[in-house]
């Protein structure tokens, strides 16, 4: 089944985690590709996903690109361009018709505005996919996880789990204890706790 991958914020490692899931699935023989429906500022994330997806074009991976490194809705206003949700939805269905699993990576966090009256959460709701949350392991992560899980459920979607991503080698008390309480607080499984620099995942964990 395809998956929607969101973050609790920008810079928490969504692309890193999406790439690892993609590589794990493909190495296990699954027909999986990555999809970055919208990117702003540069296409670095899309380049990474395209490279991990095999024979797939950049425009298939990333159909909407804006030059300004701000929220897509703001970038569209600054560049006098209209972001059309239909293009992003069509891009997903194009890939889903050709591949068994599409890993959809959102932009920033769950409520980032993509267009007028249309946010990342609306895109996920339209796609009707299970959602995986990537969160940077640090003080404050529990609050961000709870807010995001509740917001996902409010859209009528299933939160399939949380990936706790270690952005640095150092560990403090919050980082050490976060992973032990996520499931109790949210009722959502902790799928993985990635140590800093980890470059592998188990494919079976992400076959929902």
Protein backbone atom coordinates (compact mmCIF):
# COMPACT_ATOMS: atom_id res chain seq x y z
CA UNK A 1 0.00 0.00 0.00
CA UNK A 2 1.14 3.53 -0.73
CA UNK A 3 2.06 5.82 2.19
CA UNK A 4 1.90 9.55 2.88
CA UNK A 5 4.97 10.73 4.82
CA UNK A 6 4.66 13.97 6.75
CA UNK A 7 6.80 15.74 9.31
CA UNK A 8 6.22 17.66 12.50
CA UNK A 9 8.21 20.50 10.93
CA UNK A 10 10.57 21.26 8.09
CA UNK A 11 14.09 19.89 8.41
CA UNK A 12 13.16 16.84 10.49
CA UNK A 13 14.39 14.32 7.92
CA UNK A 14 11.36 13.47 5.78
CA UNK A 15 13.39 12.94 2.61
CA UNK A 16 16.05 10.98 4.48
CA UNK A 17 13.44 8.64 5.94
CA UNK A 18 11.47 8.40 2.68
CA UNK A 19 14.64 7.42 0.82
CA UNK A 20 15.49 4.75 3.39
CA UNK A 21 11.98 3.28 3.22
CA UNK A 22 12.10 3.37 -0.57
CA UNK A 23 15.47 1.65 -0.74
CA UNK A 24 14.40 -0.98 1.79
CA UNK A 25 11.22 -1.80 -0.15
CA UNK A 26 12.97 -1.94 -3.52
CA UNK A 27 15.83 -4.05 -2.16
CA UNK A 28 13.23 -6.47 -0.85
CA UNK A 29 11.76 -6.77 -4.33
CA UNK A 30 8.78 -4.44 -4.00
CA UNK A 31 7.74 -2.15 -6.85
CA UNK A 32 8.04 1.19 -5.02
CA UNK A 33 8.72 4.75 -6.16
CA UNK A 34 8.97 8.12 -4.47
CA UNK A 35 6.76 11.14 -5.09
CA UNK A 36 7.38 14.75 -4.04
CA UNK A 37 4.25 16.50 -5.34
CA UNK A 38 5.51 20.01 -4.62
CA UNK A 39 8.93 21.50 -3.87
CA UNK A 40 10.09 25.04 -3.19
CA UNK A 41 13.54 26.63 -3.42
CA UNK A 42 15.27 23.66 -5.01
CA UNK A 43 14.53 20.13 -6.15
CA UNK A 44 17.13 18.42 -3.98
CA UNK A 45 14.54 16.23 -2.25
CA UNK A 46 13.05 15.20 -5.57
CA UNK A 47 16.50 14.42 -6.98
CA UNK A 48 17.15 12.07 -4.05
CA UNK A 49 13.80 10.31 -4.47
CA UNK A 50 14.19 10.05 -8.24
CA UNK A 51 17.63 8.47 -7.85
CA UNK A 52 16.20 5.89 -5.44
CA UNK A 53 13.18 5.12 -7.63
CA UNK A 54 14.84 3.61 -10.67
CA UNK A 55 13.58 4.51 -14.14
CA UNK A 56 11.40 7.50 -13.38
CA UNK A 57 11.63 11.09 -14.59
CA UNK A 58 12.12 14.16 -12.43
CA UNK A 59 8.79 15.62 -13.52
CA UNK A 60 7.03 12.39 -12.53
CA UNK A 61 8.60 12.56 -9.08
CA UNK A 62 8.05 16.31 -8.70
CA UNK A 63 5.35 17.81 -10.93
CA UNK A 64 5.16 21.20 -9.15
CA UNK A 65 8.29 23.26 -8.49
CA UNK A 66 8.49 26.83 -7.23
CA UNK A 67 11.74 28.79 -7.05
CA UNK A 68 11.21 30.62 -3.77
CA UNK A 69 12.16 28.81 -0.56
CA UNK A 70 9.00 29.57 1.41
CA UNK A 71 5.65 27.84 1.92
CA UNK A 72 4.18 26.87 -1.47
CA UNK A 73 1.16 29.16 -1.10
CA UNK A 74 3.44 32.13 -0.43
CA UNK A 75 5.83 31.11 -3.22
CA UNK A 76 2.93 30.99 -5.63
CA UNK A 77 1.89 34.53 -4.69
CA UNK A 78 5.45 35.85 -4.98
CA UNK A 79 5.94 34.21 -8.37
CA UNK A 80 2.45 35.06 -9.64
CA UNK A 81 1.66 31.41 -10.15
CA UNK A 82 -1.33 29.35 -9.12
CA UNK A 83 -0.65 26.03 -7.44
CA UNK A 84 -3.27 23.60 -8.74
CA UNK A 85 -3.99 20.68 -6.36
CA UNK A 86 -5.36 18.72 -9.32
CA UNK A 87 -1.86 18.54 -10.81
CA UNK A 88 -0.46 17.01 -7.62
CA UNK A 89 -3.30 14.50 -7.38
CA UNK A 90 -2.96 13.54 -11.03
CA UNK A 91 0.77 13.01 -10.57
CA UNK A 92 0.12 10.53 -7.79
CA UNK A 93 -2.49 8.60 -9.76
CA UNK A 94 -0.13 8.48 -12.75
CA UNK A 95 2.50 6.75 -10.62
CA UNK A 96 0.04 4.59 -8.70
CA UNK A 97 -1.30 3.18 -11.97
CA UNK A 98 2.20 1.98 -12.85
CA UNK A 99 3.70 1.00 -9.49
CA UNK A 100 2.47 -1.02 -6.50
CA UNK A 101 3.71 1.40 -3.84
CA UNK A 102 4.09 5.19 -4.02
CA UNK A 103 5.78 6.97 -1.12
CA UNK A 104 4.36 10.49 -1.06
CA UNK A 105 6.53 13.02 0.78
CA UNK A 106 4.73 16.12 1.98
CA UNK A 107 6.13 19.64 2.24
CA UNK A 108 7.19 20.81 5.70
CA UNK A 109 4.61 19.96 8.37
CA UNK A 110 1.02 18.76 8.30
CA UNK A 111 -0.71 22.12 7.88
CA UNK A 112 1.69 23.86 5.48
CA UNK A 113 -0.42 25.88 2.99
CA UNK A 114 -0.01 24.69 -0.59
CA UNK A 115 -2.60 26.89 -2.27
CA UNK A 116 -5.55 29.06 -1.30
CA UNK A 117 -7.67 27.01 1.12
CA UNK A 118 -5.57 23.90 0.47
CA UNK A 119 -2.93 22.48 2.80
CA UNK A 120 -0.71 19.42 3.05
CA UNK A 121 -3.42 17.86 5.23
CA UNK A 122 -5.97 18.37 2.44
CA UNK A 123 -3.68 16.68 -0.08
CA UNK A 124 -3.26 13.70 2.23
CA UNK A 125 -7.03 13.54 2.80
CA UNK A 126 -7.68 13.57 -0.95
CA UNK A 127 -5.17 10.74 -1.45
CA UNK A 128 -6.70 8.72 1.43
CA UNK A 129 -3.39 7.11 2.38
CA UNK A 130 -2.09 5.93 5.76
CA UNK A 131 0.20 8.59 7.21
CA UNK A 132 3.66 8.14 8.72
CA UNK A 133 5.03 10.98 10.85
CA UNK A 134 8.74 11.80 10.87
CA UNK A 135 9.82 13.71 13.96
CA UNK A 136 13.19 15.04 15.06
CA UNK A 137 14.06 13.52 18.42
CA UNK A 138 14.48 16.47 20.76
CA UNK A 139 12.82 18.30 23.62
CA UNK A 140 9.32 19.27 22.46
CA UNK A 141 8.91 16.27 20.17
CA UNK A 142 6.08 14.78 22.22
CA UNK A 143 3.98 17.91 21.88
CA UNK A 144 4.59 18.01 18.13
CA UNK A 145 3.72 14.34 17.75
CA UNK A 146 0.48 14.64 19.73
CA UNK A 147 -0.63 17.70 17.77
CA UNK A 148 0.11 16.01 14.45
CA UNK A 149 -1.51 12.68 15.35
CA UNK A 150 -4.68 14.46 16.48
CA UNK A 151 -4.73 16.55 13.30
CA UNK A 152 -4.33 13.46 11.13
CA UNK A 153 -7.22 11.74 12.88
CA UNK A 154 -9.38 14.85 12.53
CA UNK A 155 -9.06 14.41 8.76
CA UNK A 156 -10.43 10.89 9.06
CA UNK A 157 -7.07 9.36 8.20
CA UNK A 158 -5.06 6.57 9.81
CA UNK A 159 -1.75 7.47 11.42
CA UNK A 160 0.24 4.34 10.67
CA UNK A 161 3.13 5.22 12.95
CA UNK A 162 5.94 7.50 14.00
CA UNK A 163 9.59 7.50 12.96
CA UNK A 164 11.81 9.17 15.54
CA UNK A 165 14.86 10.59 13.79
CA UNK A 166 18.09 11.33 15.64
CA UNK A 167 19.58 14.47 14.03
CA UNK A 168 22.80 14.43 16.08
CA UNK A 169 24.95 11.95 17.99
CA UNK A 170 24.35 13.59 21.36
CA UNK A 171 21.54 12.26 23.53
CA UNK A 172 19.87 14.09 26.42
CA UNK A 173 17.17 12.92 28.84
CA UNK A 174 14.31 14.00 26.56
CA UNK A 175 15.80 12.15 23.59
CA UNK A 176 16.35 9.01 25.63
CA UNK A 177 12.83 8.93 27.10
CA UNK A 178 10.74 10.14 24.14
CA UNK A 179 10.66 6.77 22.43
CA UNK A 180 9.38 4.97 25.52
CA UNK A 181 6.17 6.99 25.83
CA UNK A 182 5.07 7.71 22.25
CA UNK A 183 2.88 4.63 21.92
CA UNK A 184 1.26 5.10 25.34
CA UNK A 185 0.46 8.76 24.66
CA UNK A 186 -0.84 8.39 21.11
CA UNK A 187 -1.93 4.78 20.59
CA UNK A 188 0.25 4.95 17.45
CA UNK A 189 3.18 2.56 16.95
CA UNK A 190 6.76 3.76 17.03
CA UNK A 191 7.93 2.28 13.75
CA UNK A 192 11.60 3.17 14.07
CA UNK A 193 14.07 5.14 16.15
CA UNK A 194 16.84 6.05 13.74
CA UNK A 195 20.26 6.67 15.19
CA UNK A 196 22.26 9.50 13.66
CA UNK A 197 23.58 8.40 10.28
CA UNK A 198 21.59 5.16 10.09
CA UNK A 199 21.37 4.03 6.47
CA UNK A 200 18.99 1.06 6.52
CA UNK A 201 15.46 0.08 7.54
CA UNK A 202 13.44 -3.13 7.55
CA UNK A 203 11.05 -3.21 4.60
CA UNK A 204 8.44 -5.30 6.44
CA UNK A 205 7.83 -2.46 8.92
CA UNK A 206 6.40 -0.28 6.16
CA UNK A 207 4.14 -2.76 4.40
CA UNK A 208 0.78 -1.56 5.70
